[in-house]
N, C-alpha and C. Protein backbone atom coordinates (compact mmCIF):
# COMPACT_ATOMS: atom_id res chain seq x y z
N UNK A 1 94.00 110.48 100.66
CA UNK A 1 93.69 111.37 101.77
C UNK A 1 94.97 112.03 102.23
N UNK A 2 95.33 113.13 101.61
CA UNK A 2 96.49 113.88 102.05
C UNK A 2 97.79 113.35 101.48
N UNK A 3 98.87 113.87 101.95
CA UNK A 3 100.22 113.51 101.51
C UNK A 3 101.12 113.38 102.72
N UNK A 4 102.29 112.81 102.51
CA UNK A 4 103.28 112.75 103.57
C UNK A 4 104.48 113.60 103.18
N UNK A 5 105.32 113.89 104.15
CA UNK A 5 106.46 114.77 103.91
C UNK A 5 107.62 114.34 104.79
N UNK A 6 108.80 114.26 104.21
CA UNK A 6 110.03 114.05 104.97
C UNK A 6 111.04 115.06 104.48
N UNK A 7 111.71 115.73 105.40
CA UNK A 7 112.69 116.75 105.04
C UNK A 7 113.98 116.49 105.82
N UNK A 8 115.10 116.52 105.14
CA UNK A 8 116.41 116.34 105.75
C UNK A 8 117.25 117.58 105.43
N UNK A 9 117.82 118.18 106.45
CA UNK A 9 118.68 119.35 106.27
C UNK A 9 120.06 118.99 106.79
N UNK A 10 121.07 119.11 105.90
CA UNK A 10 122.45 118.81 106.27
C UNK A 10 123.22 120.12 106.37
N UNK A 11 123.86 120.33 107.53
CA UNK A 11 124.67 121.53 107.75
C UNK A 11 126.10 121.08 108.02
N UNK A 12 126.92 120.95 106.95
CA UNK A 12 128.29 120.43 107.11
C UNK A 12 129.15 121.26 108.06
N UNK A 13 128.99 122.58 108.03
CA UNK A 13 129.80 123.43 108.90
C UNK A 13 129.62 123.12 110.38
N UNK A 14 128.42 122.74 110.76
CA UNK A 14 128.12 122.38 112.15
C UNK A 14 128.23 120.88 112.40
N UNK A 15 128.46 120.13 111.30
CA UNK A 15 128.45 118.66 111.38
C UNK A 15 127.13 118.20 112.00
N UNK A 16 126.03 118.71 111.39
CA UNK A 16 124.70 118.51 111.96
C UNK A 16 123.72 118.08 110.86
N UNK A 17 122.83 117.16 111.23
CA UNK A 17 121.75 116.74 110.34
C UNK A 17 120.44 116.92 111.10
N UNK A 18 119.46 117.56 110.47
CA UNK A 18 118.14 117.73 111.07
C UNK A 18 117.14 117.02 110.18
N UNK A 19 116.23 116.25 110.80
CA UNK A 19 115.21 115.52 110.05
C UNK A 19 113.85 115.73 110.69
N UNK A 20 112.82 115.87 109.84
CA UNK A 20 111.45 115.88 110.36
C UNK A 20 110.54 115.29 109.30
N UNK A 21 109.39 114.80 109.76
CA UNK A 21 108.47 114.18 108.83
C UNK A 21 107.04 114.26 109.34
N UNK A 22 106.11 114.07 108.42
CA UNK A 22 104.68 113.96 108.70
C UNK A 22 104.15 112.76 107.94
N UNK A 23 103.34 111.97 108.61
CA UNK A 23 102.65 110.88 107.93
C UNK A 23 103.46 109.61 107.81
N UNK A 24 103.11 108.83 106.81
CA UNK A 24 103.64 107.49 106.62
C UNK A 24 104.93 107.54 105.81
N UNK A 25 105.94 108.16 106.38
CA UNK A 25 107.25 108.22 105.73
C UNK A 25 108.30 108.24 106.82
N UNK A 26 109.42 107.64 106.54
CA UNK A 26 110.52 107.59 107.51
C UNK A 26 111.79 108.08 106.81
N UNK A 27 112.80 108.40 107.60
CA UNK A 27 114.07 108.85 107.05
C UNK A 27 115.21 108.05 107.68
N UNK A 28 116.09 107.55 106.83
CA UNK A 28 117.25 106.78 107.29
C UNK A 28 118.53 107.44 106.76
N UNK A 29 119.57 107.44 107.58
CA UNK A 29 120.90 107.86 107.13
C UNK A 29 121.71 106.59 106.90
N UNK A 30 122.16 106.42 105.67
CA UNK A 30 122.89 105.20 105.30
C UNK A 30 124.33 105.60 104.96
N UNK A 31 125.29 105.21 105.79
CA UNK A 31 126.69 105.56 105.54
C UNK A 31 127.24 104.91 104.28
N UNK A 32 128.13 105.60 103.60
CA UNK A 32 128.75 105.08 102.39
C UNK A 32 129.63 103.86 102.66
N UNK A 33 130.15 103.77 103.88
CA UNK A 33 131.09 102.68 104.19
C UNK A 33 130.40 101.35 104.49
N UNK A 34 129.08 101.30 104.39
CA UNK A 34 128.36 100.06 104.61
C UNK A 34 128.05 99.76 106.07
N UNK A 35 128.40 100.67 106.98
CA UNK A 35 128.08 100.44 108.39
C UNK A 35 126.58 100.62 108.62
N UNK A 36 126.15 100.36 109.83
CA UNK A 36 124.71 100.33 110.14
C UNK A 36 124.02 101.66 109.84
N UNK A 37 122.82 101.55 109.28
CA UNK A 37 121.99 102.73 109.00
C UNK A 37 121.37 103.24 110.30
N UNK A 38 121.07 104.53 110.33
CA UNK A 38 120.47 105.16 111.51
C UNK A 38 119.11 105.73 111.14
N UNK A 39 118.09 105.39 111.93
CA UNK A 39 116.76 105.94 111.72
C UNK A 39 116.75 107.38 112.22
N UNK A 40 116.41 108.33 111.34
CA UNK A 40 116.40 109.74 111.71
C UNK A 40 115.01 110.24 112.08
N UNK A 41 113.98 109.70 111.44
CA UNK A 41 112.60 110.13 111.69
C UNK A 41 111.67 108.96 111.44
N UNK A 42 110.87 108.61 112.42
CA UNK A 42 109.95 107.48 112.30
C UNK A 42 108.65 107.90 111.64
N UNK A 43 107.98 106.93 111.01
CA UNK A 43 106.68 107.25 110.42
C UNK A 43 105.63 107.36 111.53
N UNK A 44 104.47 107.86 111.17
CA UNK A 44 103.39 108.07 112.13
C UNK A 44 102.21 107.13 111.87
N UNK A 45 102.51 105.92 111.47
CA UNK A 45 101.45 104.94 111.18
C UNK A 45 100.77 104.51 112.47
N UNK A 46 99.47 104.51 112.44
CA UNK A 46 98.69 104.17 113.63
C UNK A 46 98.79 102.69 113.99
N UNK A 47 98.97 101.83 112.99
CA UNK A 47 99.00 100.41 113.29
C UNK A 47 100.35 99.94 113.84
N UNK A 48 101.39 100.79 113.78
CA UNK A 48 102.70 100.37 114.28
C UNK A 48 103.23 101.23 115.42
N UNK A 49 102.60 102.35 115.73
CA UNK A 49 103.11 103.26 116.75
C UNK A 49 102.12 103.45 117.90
N UNK A 50 102.43 102.82 119.02
CA UNK A 50 101.58 102.97 120.20
C UNK A 50 101.53 104.42 120.66
N UNK A 51 102.67 105.10 120.61
CA UNK A 51 102.72 106.51 121.04
C UNK A 51 101.80 107.37 120.17
N UNK A 52 101.75 107.08 118.87
CA UNK A 52 100.90 107.86 117.97
C UNK A 52 99.42 107.57 118.26
N UNK A 53 99.08 106.31 118.53
CA UNK A 53 97.69 105.97 118.88
C UNK A 53 97.27 106.70 120.15
N UNK A 54 98.13 106.69 121.17
CA UNK A 54 97.82 107.36 122.43
C UNK A 54 97.64 108.85 122.23
N UNK A 55 98.50 109.47 121.40
CA UNK A 55 98.41 110.90 121.13
C UNK A 55 97.08 111.25 120.47
N UNK A 56 96.68 110.46 119.48
CA UNK A 56 95.44 110.72 118.75
C UNK A 56 94.22 110.55 119.65
N UNK A 57 94.20 109.51 120.44
CA UNK A 57 93.07 109.26 121.34
C UNK A 57 92.97 110.37 122.38
N UNK A 58 94.11 110.83 122.91
CA UNK A 58 94.11 111.93 123.89
C UNK A 58 93.54 113.21 123.29
N UNK A 59 93.66 113.37 121.97
CA UNK A 59 93.13 114.56 121.28
C UNK A 59 91.69 114.36 120.82
N UNK A 60 91.09 113.23 121.17
CA UNK A 60 89.69 112.98 120.82
C UNK A 60 89.48 112.24 119.52
N UNK A 61 90.54 111.71 118.93
CA UNK A 61 90.41 110.98 117.67
C UNK A 61 89.73 109.63 117.85
N UNK A 62 89.09 109.16 116.79
CA UNK A 62 88.43 107.84 116.81
C UNK A 62 89.21 106.92 115.89
N UNK A 63 89.67 105.79 116.43
CA UNK A 63 90.46 104.83 115.67
C UNK A 63 89.68 103.56 115.45
N UNK A 64 89.72 103.04 114.23
CA UNK A 64 89.04 101.78 113.90
C UNK A 64 89.53 101.31 112.54
N UNK A 65 89.34 100.02 112.28
CA UNK A 65 89.64 99.48 110.96
C UNK A 65 88.44 99.75 110.04
N UNK A 66 88.72 99.89 108.76
CA UNK A 66 87.64 99.99 107.78
C UNK A 66 86.89 98.66 107.77
N UNK A 67 85.67 98.68 107.33
CA UNK A 67 84.86 97.46 107.25
C UNK A 67 84.53 97.16 105.79
N UNK A 68 84.65 95.90 105.44
CA UNK A 68 84.32 95.47 104.08
C UNK A 68 82.82 95.32 103.90
N UNK A 69 82.42 94.87 102.74
CA UNK A 69 81.00 94.68 102.43
C UNK A 69 80.33 93.70 103.38
N UNK A 70 81.10 92.73 103.89
CA UNK A 70 80.54 91.75 104.82
C UNK A 70 80.48 92.27 106.25
N UNK A 71 81.03 93.46 106.48
CA UNK A 71 81.04 94.05 107.81
C UNK A 71 82.24 93.68 108.65
N UNK A 72 83.13 92.85 108.11
CA UNK A 72 84.33 92.44 108.83
C UNK A 72 85.39 93.53 108.74
N UNK A 73 86.09 93.83 109.87
CA UNK A 73 87.15 94.83 109.81
C UNK A 73 88.34 94.31 109.01
N UNK A 74 89.03 95.23 108.34
CA UNK A 74 90.19 94.83 107.56
C UNK A 74 91.09 96.02 107.28
N UNK A 75 92.26 95.73 106.78
CA UNK A 75 93.22 96.78 106.45
C UNK A 75 93.85 97.38 107.68
N UNK A 76 94.63 98.44 107.49
CA UNK A 76 95.33 99.06 108.61
C UNK A 76 94.38 99.84 109.52
N UNK A 77 94.80 100.06 110.75
CA UNK A 77 94.06 100.90 111.68
C UNK A 77 93.99 102.30 111.09
N UNK A 78 92.84 102.96 111.21
CA UNK A 78 92.64 104.27 110.60
C UNK A 78 92.10 105.29 111.59
N UNK A 79 92.39 106.55 111.32
CA UNK A 79 91.82 107.69 112.05
C UNK A 79 90.60 108.15 111.26
N UNK A 80 89.45 108.21 111.95
CA UNK A 80 88.19 108.61 111.30
C UNK A 80 87.82 110.01 111.75
N UNK A 81 87.73 110.96 110.82
CA UNK A 81 87.33 112.32 111.17
C UNK A 81 85.84 112.38 111.50
N UNK A 82 85.39 113.51 111.98
CA UNK A 82 83.96 113.69 112.28
C UNK A 82 83.09 113.32 111.10
N UNK A 83 81.98 112.69 111.37
CA UNK A 83 81.08 112.27 110.32
C UNK A 83 81.39 110.88 109.79
N UNK A 84 82.56 110.33 110.15
CA UNK A 84 82.91 108.97 109.76
C UNK A 84 83.18 108.77 108.28
N UNK A 85 83.41 109.86 107.55
CA UNK A 85 83.67 109.74 106.12
C UNK A 85 85.17 109.57 105.90
N UNK A 86 85.54 108.57 105.15
CA UNK A 86 86.95 108.33 104.88
C UNK A 86 87.68 107.84 106.10
N UNK A 87 88.96 107.79 106.04
CA UNK A 87 89.78 107.34 107.14
C UNK A 87 91.22 107.28 106.67
N UNK A 88 92.14 107.76 107.48
CA UNK A 88 93.55 107.79 107.09
C UNK A 88 94.35 106.82 107.95
N UNK A 89 95.30 106.12 107.33
CA UNK A 89 96.13 105.15 108.03
C UNK A 89 97.28 105.82 108.78
N UNK A 90 97.43 107.12 108.66
CA UNK A 90 98.41 107.86 109.45
C UNK A 90 97.71 109.06 110.06
N UNK A 91 98.23 109.54 111.17
CA UNK A 91 97.54 110.60 111.90
C UNK A 91 98.06 111.99 111.57
N UNK A 92 99.13 112.08 110.84
CA UNK A 92 99.69 113.39 110.49
C UNK A 92 99.84 113.44 108.98
N UNK A 93 99.06 114.29 108.35
CA UNK A 93 99.10 114.40 106.90
C UNK A 93 99.20 115.86 106.49
N UNK A 94 99.59 116.06 105.27
CA UNK A 94 99.65 117.40 104.68
C UNK A 94 98.58 117.45 103.60
N UNK A 95 97.66 118.42 103.69
CA UNK A 95 96.73 118.65 102.60
C UNK A 95 95.36 118.02 102.75
N UNK A 96 95.01 117.46 103.87
CA UNK A 96 93.67 116.91 104.05
C UNK A 96 93.01 117.63 105.21
N UNK A 97 92.23 118.66 104.92
CA UNK A 97 91.65 119.51 105.96
C UNK A 97 90.67 118.77 106.87
N UNK A 98 90.09 117.64 106.40
CA UNK A 98 89.17 116.89 107.25
C UNK A 98 89.87 116.26 108.44
N UNK A 99 91.19 116.08 108.35
CA UNK A 99 91.94 115.37 109.39
C UNK A 99 92.76 116.30 110.27
N UNK A 100 92.39 117.55 110.33
CA UNK A 100 93.13 118.49 111.17
C UNK A 100 92.98 118.16 112.62
């Protein structure tokens, strides 16, 4: 159901790094000297981001776990588009028109 995207733009002249992402992908800057890595862009997973869950619910999204054959919920929390067909574990994707 869709794809994710992470983009990093380095502008040495300005000593600037710009990062953005969609979906279940994150970006880290890892220094060559072995010092601590810096998170540049967090993923948008519904099961780990309270802010993302709140954003989706405020926009009218329906969140629930998929159900197995026995009817028990399982797997990651998912966003269900209208009609209840399918479900994505991230709220921001590229290429899945059902999840706009």
